[in-house]
Amino acid sequence: MKRRFLSMLLISAMMAAMTGCGEKNAASEPGTTEQAASGDITVGVILKTLSSEYWGYVAAGVNAASKDLGVKVDLQGPASETAYDEQNNMIETMLSGGVDAFVISPLQSESVASVIGDVNIPVITVDTDAEIPGKISFVGTGNENAAYQGGLFAAQKAGKGAKAVIIGGVEGNATSDARQAGFTKALEENGVEVVSVQYAQSNPDTAANVMENMITAQSGDIQIVCCHNDDTAAGASNALKQLGLNDIIIVGFDGNQSGVQNIIDGNITATCAQAAYSMGYQAVETAVKAVKGEPVEKFVDTGCEVISADNAKAYLEKLKGYLK
């Protein structure tokens, strides 16, 4: 009986020791496993281009996420935002080479979707959304909400009864339509009449001509100009200066260094600043989560900040810091 009792004690002690070892490993393994998994992950990223200020911010965010998360990133972009075939070739080559997740900012949504085809990896669109097979998330600006903030700023500054015009980018483009809707809603809700909407193809020279035509058509009775990007706002500003009109509120969109500098110089009034750096960072972050099997949001809104004379200098320094 005594021997049996001693044997039971010995068995119990051995089981307790084994259980203790098991609990220790379970507690220490997740961190090691996660680090190994992160180090083995490669995220392919193709932007619209790498040769512009705006996309430089997105690229900086991508590289920062790669470093912070400990993952490999293959970052590419065509020579310009009209190099459609070049981007498609990049996509085909990258996907055939093997990546664990793919981040794309499509130049031509339909052709990009066709090139990607059916893939068995997570696909994330950044900045510009598109219907692409395998897409699990869009990371970017809620364009309508961002434009609403800019329109609200202008409406509150001008007051009820003011008249506004909107100079758009490309008619029928989803991004342009969303920005127009946001500007219009904010202005009209706050007692401002939108008297004209025209498009300038995101070209500052075309925007200057459009602005002149609008002023003529409205006999100079315009208090607000809302533009779909900062280049368009700069073109509108040049036209108004030549006409001797210096007290019209001009709101741009994007928040690039040139646009913010134009606010500091008094050429435009405000811009709806997209968080381009955050787009790049959160796109990679979302891709990594997906590869690890973690839940991701279908739409990651990177937000918007209205930049005016009150915060332009501080924001400009922030932008410069991204590109160091």
C-alpha atoms as a PDB file:
ATOM      1  CA  MET A   1       0.000   0.000   0.000  1.00  0.00           C
ATOM      2  CA  LYS A   2       2.843   2.270   0.955  1.00  0.00           C
ATOM      3  CA  ARG A   3       4.703   1.485  -2.291  1.00  0.00           C
ATOM      4  CA  ARG A   4       1.541   2.177  -4.302  1.00  0.00           C
ATOM      5  CA  PHE A   5       1.078   5.482  -2.580  1.00  0.00           C
ATOM      6  CA  LEU A   6       4.700   6.471  -3.283  1.00  0.00           C
ATOM      7  CA  SER A   7       4.316   5.466  -6.927  1.00  0.00           C
ATOM      8  CA  MET A   8       1.231   7.661  -7.305  1.00  0.00           C
ATOM      9  CA  LEU A   9       3.081  10.599  -5.793  1.00  0.00           C
ATOM     10  CA  LEU A  10       5.971  10.080  -8.222  1.00  0.00           C
ATOM     11  CA  ILE A  11       3.629   9.916 -11.226  1.00  0.00           C
ATOM     12  CA  SER A  12       1.805  13.070 -10.059  1.00  0.00           C
ATOM     13  CA  ALA A  13       5.091  14.922  -9.674  1.00  0.00           C
ATOM     14  CA  MET A  14       6.211  13.911 -13.180  1.00  0.00           C
ATOM     15  CA  MET A  15       2.909  15.016 -14.715  1.00  0.00           C
ATOM     16  CA  ALA A  16       3.094  18.357 -12.915  1.00  0.00           C
ATOM     17  CA  ALA A  17       6.632  18.895 -14.203  1.00  0.00           C
ATOM     18  CA  MET A  18       5.578  18.067 -17.767  1.00  0.00           C
ATOM     19  CA  THR A  19       2.600  20.391 -17.519  1.00  0.00           C
ATOM     20  CA  GLY A  20       4.814  23.178 -16.198  1.00  0.00           C
ATOM     21  CA  CYS A  21       7.223  22.784 -19.121  1.00  0.00           C
ATOM     22  CA  GLY A  22       4.338  22.787 -21.563  1.00  0.00           C
ATOM     23  CA  GLU A  23       2.894  26.036 -20.171  1.00  0.00           C
ATOM     24  CA  LYS A  24       6.272  27.741 -20.391  1.00  0.00           C
ATOM     25  CA  ASN A  25       6.711  26.829 -24.057  1.00  0.00           C
ATOM     26  CA  ALA A  26       3.179  27.904 -24.898  1.00  0.00           C
ATOM     27  CA  ALA A  27       3.824  31.304 -23.364  1.00  0.00           C
ATOM     28  CA  SER A  28       7.152  31.826 -25.097  1.00  0.00           C
ATOM     29  CA  GLU A  29       6.418  30.383 -28.535  1.00  0.00           C
ATOM     30  CA  PRO A  30       3.868  32.880 -29.932  1.00  0.00           C
ATOM     31  CA  GLY A  31       6.376  35.738 -30.038  1.00  0.00           C
ATOM     32  CA  THR A  32       9.020  33.583 -31.705  1.00  0.00           C
ATOM     33  CA  THR A  33       6.518  32.178 -34.197  1.00  0.00           C
ATOM     34  CA  GLU A  34       5.222  35.631 -35.067  1.00  0.00           C
ATOM     35  CA  GLN A  35       8.705  37.012 -35.602  1.00  0.00           C
ATOM     36  CA  ALA A  36       9.598  34.118 -37.880  1.00  0.00           C
ATOM     37  CA  ALA A  37       6.356  34.517 -39.798  1.00  0.00           C
ATOM     38  CA  SER A  38       6.923  38.274 -40.246  1.00  0.00           C
ATOM     39  CA  GLY A  39      10.474  37.754 -41.461  1.00  0.00           C
ATOM     40  CA  ASP A  40       9.275  35.281 -44.060  1.00  0.00           C
ATOM     41  CA  ILE A  41       6.521  37.545 -45.437  1.00  0.00           C
ATOM     42  CA  THR A  42       7.076  39.441 -48.690  1.00  0.00           C
ATOM     43  CA  VAL A  43       4.588  42.140 -49.668  1.00  0.00           C
ATOM     44  CA  GLY A  44       4.576  43.314 -53.284  1.00  0.00           C
ATOM     45  CA  VAL A  45       3.654  46.983 -53.724  1.00  0.00           C
ATOM     46  CA  ILE A  46       3.112  48.737 -57.054  1.00  0.00           C
ATOM     47  CA  LEU A  47       2.114  52.406 -56.912  1.00  0.00           C
ATOM     48  CA  LYS A  48       0.985  54.669 -59.754  1.00  0.00           C
ATOM     49  CA  THR A  49       4.515  56.070 -59.974  1.00  0.00           C
ATOM     50  CA  LEU A  50       7.519  56.741 -57.768  1.00  0.00           C
ATOM     51  CA  SER A  51       8.458  59.970 -59.531  1.00  0.00           C
ATOM     52  CA  SER A  52       6.186  62.495 -57.831  1.00  0.00           C
ATOM     53  CA  GLU A  53       6.025  64.211 -54.471  1.00  0.00           C
ATOM     54  CA  TYR A  54       2.695  62.682 -53.482  1.00  0.00           C
ATOM     55  CA  TRP A  55       3.738  59.112 -54.269  1.00  0.00           C
ATOM     56  CA  GLY A  56       7.020  59.764 -52.486  1.00  0.00           C
ATOM     57  CA  TYR A  57       5.009  60.135 -49.274  1.00  0.00           C
ATOM     58  CA  VAL A  58       3.136  56.889 -49.933  1.00  0.00           C
ATOM     59  CA  ALA A  59       6.440  55.111 -50.644  1.00  0.00           C
ATOM     60  CA  ALA A  60       7.951  56.496 -47.425  1.00  0.00           C
ATOM     61  CA  GLY A  61       5.045  54.997 -45.474  1.00  0.00           C
ATOM     62  CA  VAL A  62       5.523  51.648 -47.223  1.00  0.00           C
ATOM     63  CA  ASN A  63       9.217  51.565 -46.322  1.00  0.00           C
ATOM     64  CA  ALA A  64       8.552  52.583 -42.723  1.00  0.00           C
ATOM     65  CA  ALA A  65       6.027  49.769 -42.306  1.00  0.00           C
ATOM     66  CA  SER A  66       8.496  47.297 -43.796  1.00  0.00           C
ATOM     67  CA  LYS A  67      11.057  48.294 -41.174  1.00  0.00           C
ATOM     68  CA  ASP A  68       8.666  48.471 -38.220  1.00  0.00           C
ATOM     69  CA  LEU A  69       6.892  45.193 -38.974  1.00  0.00           C
ATOM     70  CA  GLY A  70       9.983  43.276 -39.983  1.00  0.00           C
ATOM     71  CA  VAL A  71       8.679  42.208 -43.388  1.00  0.00           C
ATOM     72  CA  LYS A  72      10.173  42.314 -46.865  1.00  0.00           C
ATOM     73  CA  VAL A  73       8.646  44.751 -49.355  1.00  0.00           C
ATOM     74  CA  ASP A  74       9.128  44.806 -53.102  1.00  0.00           C
ATOM     75  CA  LEU A  75       8.196  48.407 -53.970  1.00  0.00           C
ATOM     76  CA  GLN A  76       7.837  49.456 -57.602  1.00  0.00           C
ATOM     77  CA  GLY A  77       6.099  52.067 -59.751  1.00  0.00           C
ATOM     78  CA  PRO A  78       6.039  53.083 -63.434  1.00  0.00           C
ATOM     79  CA  ALA A  79       7.700  56.204 -64.811  1.00  0.00           C
ATOM     80  CA  SER A  80       4.475  58.225 -64.814  1.00  0.00           C
ATOM     81  CA  GLU A  81       0.753  58.035 -64.088  1.00  0.00           C
ATOM     82  CA  THR A  82       0.063  57.470 -67.784  1.00  0.00           C
ATOM     83  CA  ALA A  83       2.483  54.537 -68.186  1.00  0.00           C
ATOM     84  CA  TYR A  84      -0.356  52.009 -68.211  1.00  0.00           C
ATOM     85  CA  ASP A  85       1.437  49.206 -70.042  1.00  0.00           C
ATOM     86  CA  GLU A  86       4.503  49.579 -67.844  1.00  0.00           C
ATOM     87  CA  GLN A  87       2.425  49.138 -64.701  1.00  0.00           C
ATOM     88  CA  ASN A  88       0.640  46.113 -66.157  1.00  0.00           C
ATOM     89  CA  ASN A  89       3.991  44.507 -67.033  1.00  0.00           C
ATOM     90  CA  MET A  90       5.238  45.175 -63.494  1.00  0.00           C
ATOM     91  CA  ILE A  91       2.168  43.478 -62.052  1.00  0.00           C
ATOM     92  CA  GLU A  92       2.568  40.414 -64.236  1.00  0.00           C
ATOM     93  CA  THR A  93       6.265  40.061 -63.385  1.00  0.00           C
ATOM     94  CA  MET A  94       5.791  40.604 -59.655  1.00  0.00           C
ATOM     95  CA  LEU A  95       2.952  38.115 -59.293  1.00  0.00           C
ATOM     96  CA  SER A  96       4.804  35.456 -61.277  1.00  0.00           C
ATOM     97  CA  GLY A  97       7.833  35.927 -59.040  1.00  0.00           C
ATOM     98  CA  GLY A  98       5.878  35.083 -55.919  1.00  0.00           C
ATOM     99  CA  VAL A  99       4.741  37.419 -53.136  1.00  0.00           C
ATOM    100  CA  ASP A 100       2.603  36.662 -50.074  1.00  0.00           C
ATOM    101  CA  ALA A 101       0.335  39.693 -50.491  1.00  0.00           C
ATOM    102  CA  PHE A 102      -0.084  42.355 -53.160  1.00  0.00           C
ATOM    103  CA  VAL A 103      -0.749  46.092 -52.765  1.00  0.00           C
ATOM    104  CA  ILE A 104      -1.740  47.999 -55.895  1.00  0.00           C
ATOM    105  CA  SER A 105      -2.726  51.541 -56.812  1.00  0.00           C
ATOM    106  CA  PRO A 106      -4.240  50.951 -60.248  1.00  0.00           C
ATOM    107  CA  LEU A 107      -3.756  53.336 -63.149  1.00  0.00           C
ATOM    108  CA  GLN A 108      -6.472  51.654 -65.228  1.00  0.00           C
ATOM    109  CA  SER A 109      -8.770  49.611 -63.049  1.00  0.00           C
ATOM    110  CA  GLU A 110     -10.148  47.255 -65.694  1.00  0.00           C
ATOM    111  CA  SER A 111      -6.818  46.381 -67.305  1.00  0.00           C
ATOM    112  CA  VAL A 112      -5.152  45.954 -63.912  1.00  0.00           C
ATOM    113  CA  ALA A 113      -7.929  43.603 -62.796  1.00  0.00           C
ATOM    114  CA  SER A 114      -7.486  41.600 -65.975  1.00  0.00           C
ATOM    115  CA  VAL A 115      -3.718  41.275 -65.509  1.00  0.00           C
ATOM    116  CA  ILE A 116      -4.069  40.238 -61.868  1.00  0.00           C
ATOM    117  CA  GLY A 117      -6.729  37.642 -62.678  1.00  0.00           C
ATOM    118  CA  ASP A 118      -7.535  35.024 -60.061  1.00  0.00           C
ATOM    119  CA  VAL A 119      -4.851  34.946 -57.408  1.00  0.00           C
ATOM    120  CA  ASN A 120      -4.606  33.030 -54.159  1.00  0.00           C
ATOM    121  CA  ILE A 121      -3.028  35.848 -52.161  1.00  0.00           C
ATOM    122  CA  PRO A 122      -4.587  38.884 -50.439  1.00  0.00           C
ATOM    123  CA  VAL A 123      -4.901  41.943 -52.681  1.00  0.00           C
ATOM    124  CA  ILE A 124      -5.140  45.440 -51.184  1.00  0.00           C
ATOM    125  CA  THR A 125      -5.863  48.586 -53.194  1.00  0.00           C
ATOM    126  CA  VAL A 126      -4.289  51.820 -51.957  1.00  0.00           C
ATOM    127  CA  ASP A 127      -5.275  55.444 -52.731  1.00  0.00           C
ATOM    128  CA  THR A 128      -7.482  54.381 -55.668  1.00  0.00           C
ATOM    129  CA  ASP A 129     -10.030  51.608 -55.279  1.00  0.00           C
ATOM    130  CA  ALA A 130     -11.029  49.125 -57.967  1.00  0.00           C
ATOM    131  CA  GLU A 131     -12.954  45.895 -58.348  1.00  0.00           C
ATOM    132  CA  ILE A 132     -10.117  43.376 -58.459  1.00  0.00           C
ATOM    133  CA  PRO A 133     -10.304  39.606 -57.894  1.00  0.00           C
ATOM    134  CA  GLY A 134      -8.926  38.670 -54.495  1.00  0.00           C
ATOM    135  CA  LYS A 135      -9.214  42.218 -53.118  1.00  0.00           C
ATOM    136  CA  ILE A 136      -9.857  42.175 -49.402  1.00  0.00           C
ATOM    137  CA  SER A 137      -9.393  45.834 -48.469  1.00  0.00           C
ATOM    138  CA  PHE A 138      -9.100  49.397 -49.757  1.00  0.00           C
ATOM    139  CA  VAL A 139      -6.747  51.710 -47.874  1.00  0.00           C
ATOM    140  CA  GLY A 140      -7.163  55.389 -48.673  1.00  0.00           C
ATOM    141  CA  THR A 141      -9.044  58.614 -48.282  1.00  0.00           C
ATOM    142  CA  GLY A 142     -12.794  58.729 -47.933  1.00  0.00           C
ATOM    143  CA  ASN A 143     -12.900  61.333 -50.714  1.00  0.00           C
ATOM    144  CA  GLU A 144     -16.457  62.491 -50.139  1.00  0.00           C
ATOM    145  CA  ASN A 145     -15.933  62.969 -46.397  1.00  0.00           C
ATOM    146  CA  ALA A 146     -12.617  64.747 -46.968  1.00  0.00           C
ATOM    147  CA  ALA A 147     -14.119  67.135 -49.531  1.00  0.00           C
ATOM    148  CA  TYR A 148     -17.030  67.736 -47.165  1.00  0.00           C
ATOM    149  CA  GLN A 149     -14.564  69.022 -44.570  1.00  0.00           C
ATOM    150  CA  GLY A 150     -13.025  71.386 -47.110  1.00  0.00           C
ATOM    151  CA  GLY A 151     -16.421  72.611 -48.276  1.00  0.00           C
ATOM    152  CA  LEU A 152     -17.510  73.161 -44.681  1.00  0.00           C
ATOM    153  CA  PHE A 153     -14.396  75.236 -43.994  1.00  0.00           C
ATOM    154  CA  ALA A 154     -15.107  77.430 -47.033  1.00  0.00           C
ATOM    155  CA  ALA A 155     -18.817  77.793 -46.270  1.00  0.00           C
ATOM    156  CA  GLN A 156     -18.199  78.851 -42.691  1.00  0.00           C
ATOM    157  CA  LYS A 157     -15.575  81.348 -43.807  1.00  0.00           C
ATOM    158  CA  ALA A 158     -17.754  82.896 -46.544  1.00  0.00           C
ATOM    159  CA  GLY A 159     -21.100  82.759 -44.734  1.00  0.00           C
ATOM    160  CA  LYS A 160     -24.632  82.033 -45.922  1.00  0.00           C
ATOM    161  CA  GLY A 161     -25.678  83.495 -49.247  1.00  0.00           C
ATOM    162  CA  ALA A 162     -22.254  83.094 -50.836  1.00  0.00           C
ATOM    163  CA  LYS A 163     -21.821  81.644 -54.326  1.00  0.00           C
ATOM    164  CA  ALA A 164     -19.377  78.870 -55.144  1.00  0.00           C
ATOM    165  CA  VAL A 165     -17.947  77.085 -58.169  1.00  0.00           C
ATOM    166  CA  ILE A 166     -16.255  73.688 -58.332  1.00  0.00           C
ATOM    167  CA  ILE A 167     -13.387  72.859 -60.681  1.00  0.00           C
ATOM    168  CA  GLY A 168     -13.185  69.091 -61.011  1.00  0.00           C
ATOM    169  CA  GLY A 169     -10.551  66.689 -62.243  1.00  0.00           C
ATOM    170  CA  VAL A 170     -11.832  64.185 -64.801  1.00  0.00           C
ATOM    171  CA  GLU A 171     -15.576  63.964 -65.350  1.00  0.00           C
ATOM    172  CA  GLY A 172     -16.945  60.513 -64.559  1.00  0.00           C
ATOM    173  CA  ASN A 173     -13.893  59.486 -62.546  1.00  0.00           C
ATOM    174  CA  ALA A 174     -14.954  57.902 -59.241  1.00  0.00           C
ATOM    175  CA  THR A 175     -12.557  60.020 -57.201  1.00  0.00           C
ATOM    176  CA  SER A 176     -13.657  63.257 -58.878  1.00  0.00           C
ATOM    177  CA  ASP A 177     -17.323  62.361 -58.443  1.00  0.00           C
ATOM    178  CA  ALA A 178     -16.834  61.662 -54.744  1.00  0.00           C
ATOM    179  CA  ARG A 179     -14.988  64.942 -54.154  1.00  0.00           C
ATOM    180  CA  GLN A 180     -17.601  66.904 -56.050  1.00  0.00           C
ATOM    181  CA  ALA A 181     -20.361  65.291 -53.993  1.00  0.00           C
ATOM    182  CA  GLY A 182     -18.590  66.130 -50.730  1.00  0.00           C
ATOM    183  CA  PHE A 183     -17.924  69.756 -51.654  1.00  0.00           C
ATOM    184  CA  THR A 184     -21.478  70.247 -52.927  1.00  0.00           C
ATOM    185  CA  LYS A 185     -23.119  68.718 -49.873  1.00  0.00           C
ATOM    186  CA  ALA A 186     -21.146  70.815 -47.390  1.00  0.00           C
ATOM    187  CA  LEU A 187     -21.670  74.047 -49.305  1.00  0.00           C
ATOM    188  CA  GLU A 188     -25.393  73.617 -49.862  1.00  0.00           C
ATOM    189  CA  GLU A 189     -26.069  72.444 -46.316  1.00  0.00           C
ATOM    190  CA  ASN A 190     -24.513  75.666 -45.077  1.00  0.00           C
ATOM    191  CA  GLY A 191     -26.411  78.080 -47.292  1.00  0.00           C
ATOM    192  CA  VAL A 192     -23.927  78.428 -50.160  1.00  0.00           C
ATOM    193  CA  GLU A 193     -25.162  78.175 -53.755  1.00  0.00           C
ATOM    194  CA  VAL A 194     -23.073  76.115 -56.181  1.00  0.00           C
ATOM    195  CA  VAL A 195     -23.520  78.031 -59.433  1.00  0.00           C
ATOM    196  CA  SER A 196     -21.190  76.062 -61.721  1.00  0.00           C
ATOM    197  CA  VAL A 197     -19.215  72.808 -61.952  1.00  0.00           C
ATOM    198  CA  GLN A 198     -16.596  72.377 -64.688  1.00  0.00           C
ATOM    199  CA  TYR A 199     -13.625  70.073 -65.262  1.00  0.00           C
ATOM    200  CA  ALA A 200      -9.967  70.881 -65.894  1.00  0.00           C
ATOM    201  CA  GLN A 201      -8.407  67.405 -66.308  1.00  0.00           C
ATOM    202  CA  SER A 202      -6.230  68.174 -63.244  1.00  0.00           C
ATOM    203  CA  ASN A 203      -4.182  70.556 -65.391  1.00  0.00           C
ATOM    204  CA  PRO A 204      -3.316  73.989 -63.888  1.00  0.00           C
ATOM    205  CA  ASP A 205      -3.332  75.786 -67.260  1.00  0.00           C
ATOM    206  CA  THR A 206      -6.722  74.331 -68.147  1.00  0.00           C
ATOM    207  CA  ALA A 207      -7.937  75.262 -64.659  1.00  0.00           C
ATOM    208  CA  ALA A 208      -6.865  78.869 -65.239  1.00  0.00           C
ATOM    209  CA  ASN A 209      -8.912  79.025 -68.446  1.00  0.00           C
ATOM    210  CA  VAL A 210     -11.914  77.409 -66.743  1.00  0.00           C
ATOM    211  CA  MET A 211     -11.643  79.903 -63.888  1.00  0.00           C
ATOM    212  CA  GLU A 212     -11.632  82.861 -66.284  1.00  0.00           C
ATOM    213  CA  ASN A 213     -14.719  81.520 -68.056  1.00  0.00           C
ATOM    214  CA  MET A 214     -16.530  81.031 -64.755  1.00  0.00           C
ATOM    215  CA  ILE A 215     -15.777  84.545 -63.576  1.00  0.00           C
ATOM    216  CA  THR A 216     -17.033  85.943 -66.876  1.00  0.00           C
ATOM    217  CA  ALA A 217     -20.191  83.829 -66.809  1.00  0.00           C
ATOM    218  CA  GLN A 218     -20.965  84.882 -63.226  1.00  0.00           C
ATOM    219  CA  SER A 219     -19.997  88.543 -63.749  1.00  0.00           C
ATOM    220  CA  GLY A 220     -17.395  88.202 -61.017  1.00  0.00           C
ATOM    221  CA  ASP A 221     -19.967  87.223 -58.380  1.00  0.00           C
ATOM    222  CA  ILE A 222     -18.107  84.232 -56.901  1.00  0.00           C
ATOM    223  CA  GLN A 223     -16.895  83.939 -53.320  1.00  0.00           C
ATOM    224  CA  ILE A 224     -15.658  80.323 -53.194  1.00  0.00           C
ATOM    225  CA  VAL A 225     -13.696  78.076 -55.568  1.00  0.00           C
ATOM    226  CA  CYS A 226     -13.385  74.401 -54.574  1.00  0.00           C
ATOM    227  CA  CYS A 227     -10.850  72.378 -56.565  1.00  0.00           C
ATOM    228  CA  HIS A 228     -10.235  68.642 -56.814  1.00  0.00           C
ATOM    229  CA  ASN A 229      -6.455  68.951 -56.328  1.00  0.00           C
ATOM    230  CA  ASP A 230      -3.794  71.503 -55.413  1.00  0.00           C
ATOM    231  CA  ASP A 231      -2.498  71.949 -58.987  1.00  0.00           C
ATOM    232  CA  THR A 232      -5.988  72.945 -60.110  1.00  0.00           C
ATOM    233  CA  ALA A 233      -6.245  75.336 -57.179  1.00  0.00           C
ATOM    234  CA  ALA A 234      -2.916  76.921 -58.195  1.00  0.00           C
ATOM    235  CA  GLY A 235      -4.195  77.419 -61.755  1.00  0.00           C
ATOM    236  CA  ALA A 236      -7.407  79.008 -60.500  1.00  0.00           C
ATOM    237  CA  SER A 237      -5.395  81.285 -58.207  1.00  0.00           C
ATOM    238  CA  ASN A 238      -3.215  82.494 -61.086  1.00  0.00           C
ATOM    239  CA  ALA A 239      -6.266  83.353 -63.151  1.00  0.00           C
ATOM    240  CA  LEU A 240      -7.910  85.275 -60.308  1.00  0.00           C
ATOM    241  CA  LYS A 241      -4.716  87.239 -59.646  1.00  0.00           C
ATOM    242  CA  GLN A 242      -4.535  88.309 -63.291  1.00  0.00           C
ATOM    243  CA  LEU A 243      -8.128  89.487 -62.999  1.00  0.00           C
ATOM    244  CA  GLY A 244      -7.290  91.443 -59.849  1.00  0.00           C
ATOM    245  CA  LEU A 245      -9.524  89.283 -57.624  1.00  0.00           C
ATOM    246  CA  ASN A 246      -7.647  88.550 -54.395  1.00  0.00           C
ATOM    247  CA  ASP A 247     -10.384  87.957 -51.837  1.00  0.00           C
ATOM    248  CA  ILE A 248     -11.961  84.761 -53.189  1.00  0.00           C
ATOM    249  CA  ILE A 249     -11.686  81.645 -51.017  1.00  0.00           C
ATOM    250  CA  ILE A 250      -9.827  78.861 -52.841  1.00  0.00           C
ATOM    251  CA  VAL A 251      -9.796  75.315 -51.467  1.00  0.00           C
ATOM    252  CA  GLY A 252      -7.555  72.629 -52.969  1.00  0.00           C
ATOM    253  CA  PHE A 253      -7.158  68.921 -52.317  1.00  0.00           C
ATOM    254  CA  ASP A 254      -4.154  66.613 -51.608  1.00  0.00           C
ATOM    255  CA  GLY A 255      -1.960  68.636 -49.243  1.00  0.00           C
ATOM    256  CA  ASN A 256       1.328  68.385 -51.142  1.00  0.00           C
ATOM    257  CA  GLN A 257       4.246  70.660 -50.245  1.00  0.00           C
ATOM    258  CA  SER A 258       3.502  72.947 -53.183  1.00  0.00           C
ATOM    259  CA  GLY A 259      -0.129  73.296 -52.129  1.00  0.00           C
ATOM    260  CA  VAL A 260       0.752  73.991 -48.503  1.00  0.00           C
ATOM    261  CA  GLN A 261       3.388  76.510 -49.595  1.00  0.00           C
ATOM    262  CA  ASN A 262       0.714  78.266 -51.663  1.00  0.00           C
ATOM    263  CA  ILE A 263      -1.323  78.642 -48.477  1.00  0.00           C
ATOM    264  CA  ILE A 264       1.657  80.137 -46.647  1.00  0.00           C
ATOM    265  CA  ASP A 265       2.256  82.506 -49.576  1.00  0.00           C
ATOM    266  CA  GLY A 266      -1.399  83.558 -49.586  1.00  0.00           C
ATOM    267  CA  ASN A 267      -2.187  82.152 -53.032  1.00  0.00           C
ATOM    268  CA  ILE A 268      -4.873  79.712 -51.887  1.00  0.00           C
ATOM    269  CA  THR A 269      -6.893  79.540 -48.696  1.00  0.00           C
ATOM    270  CA  ALA A 270      -6.874  75.873 -47.702  1.00  0.00           C
ATOM    271  CA  THR A 271      -6.374  72.305 -48.860  1.00  0.00           C
ATOM    272  CA  CYS A 272      -7.870  68.965 -47.874  1.00  0.00           C
ATOM    273  CA  ALA A 273      -4.696  67.075 -46.993  1.00  0.00           C
ATOM    274  CA  GLN A 274      -4.672  63.363 -47.657  1.00  0.00           C
ATOM    275  CA  ALA A 275      -2.579  61.214 -45.322  1.00  0.00           C
ATOM    276  CA  ALA A 276      -0.400  59.753 -48.079  1.00  0.00           C
ATOM    277  CA  TYR A 277       2.280  58.476 -45.690  1.00  0.00           C
ATOM    278  CA  SER A 278      -0.353  56.698 -43.591  1.00  0.00           C
ATOM    279  CA  MET A 279      -1.820  55.141 -46.740  1.00  0.00           C
ATOM    280  CA  GLY A 280       1.460  53.445 -47.569  1.00  0.00           C
ATOM    281  CA  TYR A 281       2.055  52.342 -43.996  1.00  0.00           C
ATOM    282  CA  GLN A 282      -1.435  50.998 -43.364  1.00  0.00           C
ATOM    283  CA  ALA A 283      -1.593  49.240 -46.733  1.00  0.00           C
ATOM    284  CA  VAL A 284       1.454  47.136 -45.795  1.00  0.00           C
ATOM    285  CA  GLU A 285       0.117  46.689 -42.279  1.00  0.00           C
ATOM    286  CA  THR A 286      -3.202  45.415 -43.660  1.00  0.00           C
ATOM    287  CA  ALA A 287      -1.408  43.057 -46.045  1.00  0.00           C
ATOM    288  CA  VAL A 288       0.632  41.547 -43.214  1.00  0.00           C
ATOM    289  CA  LYS A 289      -2.455  41.034 -41.073  1.00  0.00           C
ATOM    290  CA  ALA A 290      -4.170  39.244 -43.942  1.00  0.00           C
ATOM    291  CA  VAL A 291      -1.215  36.931 -44.535  1.00  0.00           C
ATOM    292  CA  LYS A 292      -1.222  36.026 -40.839  1.00  0.00           C
ATOM    293  CA  GLY A 293      -4.928  35.246 -40.979  1.00  0.00           C
ATOM    294  CA  GLU A 294      -5.939  38.188 -38.820  1.00  0.00           C
ATOM    295  CA  PRO A 295      -9.186  40.074 -39.564  1.00  0.00           C
ATOM    296  CA  VAL A 296      -8.907  43.235 -41.693  1.00  0.00           C
ATOM    297  CA  GLU A 297     -11.298  46.072 -42.483  1.00  0.00           C
ATOM    298  CA  LYS A 298     -12.772  46.233 -45.988  1.00  0.00           C
ATOM    299  CA  PHE A 299     -12.160  49.995 -45.992  1.00  0.00           C
ATOM    300  CA  VAL A 300      -9.326  51.568 -44.012  1.00  0.00           C
ATOM    301  CA  ASP A 301     -10.018  55.320 -44.023  1.00  0.00           C
ATOM    302  CA  THR A 302      -6.702  57.113 -43.580  1.00  0.00           C
ATOM    303  CA  GLY A 303      -8.482  60.399 -42.882  1.00  0.00           C
ATOM    304  CA  CYS A 304      -8.075  64.001 -43.928  1.00  0.00           C
ATOM    305  CA  GLU A 305      -6.903  67.241 -42.342  1.00  0.00           C
ATOM    306  CA  VAL A 306      -7.907  70.702 -43.522  1.00  0.00           C
ATOM    307  CA  ILE A 307      -4.762  72.813 -43.813  1.00  0.00           C
ATOM    308  CA  SER A 308      -5.116  76.596 -43.630  1.00  0.00           C
ATOM    309  CA  ALA A 309      -2.950  79.528 -42.622  1.00  0.00           C
ATOM    310  CA  ASP A 310      -3.354  78.443 -38.983  1.00  0.00           C
ATOM    311  CA  ASN A 311      -1.472  75.148 -39.348  1.00  0.00           C
ATOM    312  CA  ALA A 312       0.271  75.299 -42.757  1.00  0.00           C
ATOM    313  CA  LYS A 313       3.821  75.922 -41.505  1.00  0.00           C
ATOM    314  CA  ALA A 314       3.714  73.054 -39.023  1.00  0.00           C
ATOM    315  CA  TYR A 315       2.219  70.720 -41.628  1.00  0.00           C
ATOM    316  CA  LEU A 316       4.866  71.662 -44.197  1.00  0.00           C
ATOM    317  CA  GLU A 317       7.629  70.658 -41.779  1.00  0.00           C
ATOM    318  CA  LYS A 318       5.823  67.372 -41.194  1.00  0.00           C
ATOM    319  CA  LEU A 319       5.758  66.682 -44.940  1.00  0.00           C
ATOM    320  CA  LYS A 320       9.439  67.466 -45.318  1.00  0.00           C
ATOM    321  CA  GLY A 321      10.217  65.034 -42.521  1.00  0.00           C
ATOM    322  CA  TYR A 322       8.588  62.149 -44.410  1.00  0.00           C
ATOM    323  CA  LEU A 323      11.016  62.499 -47.316  1.00  0.00           C
ATOM    324  CA  LYS A 324      14.242  62.734 -45.296  1.00  0.00           C
END
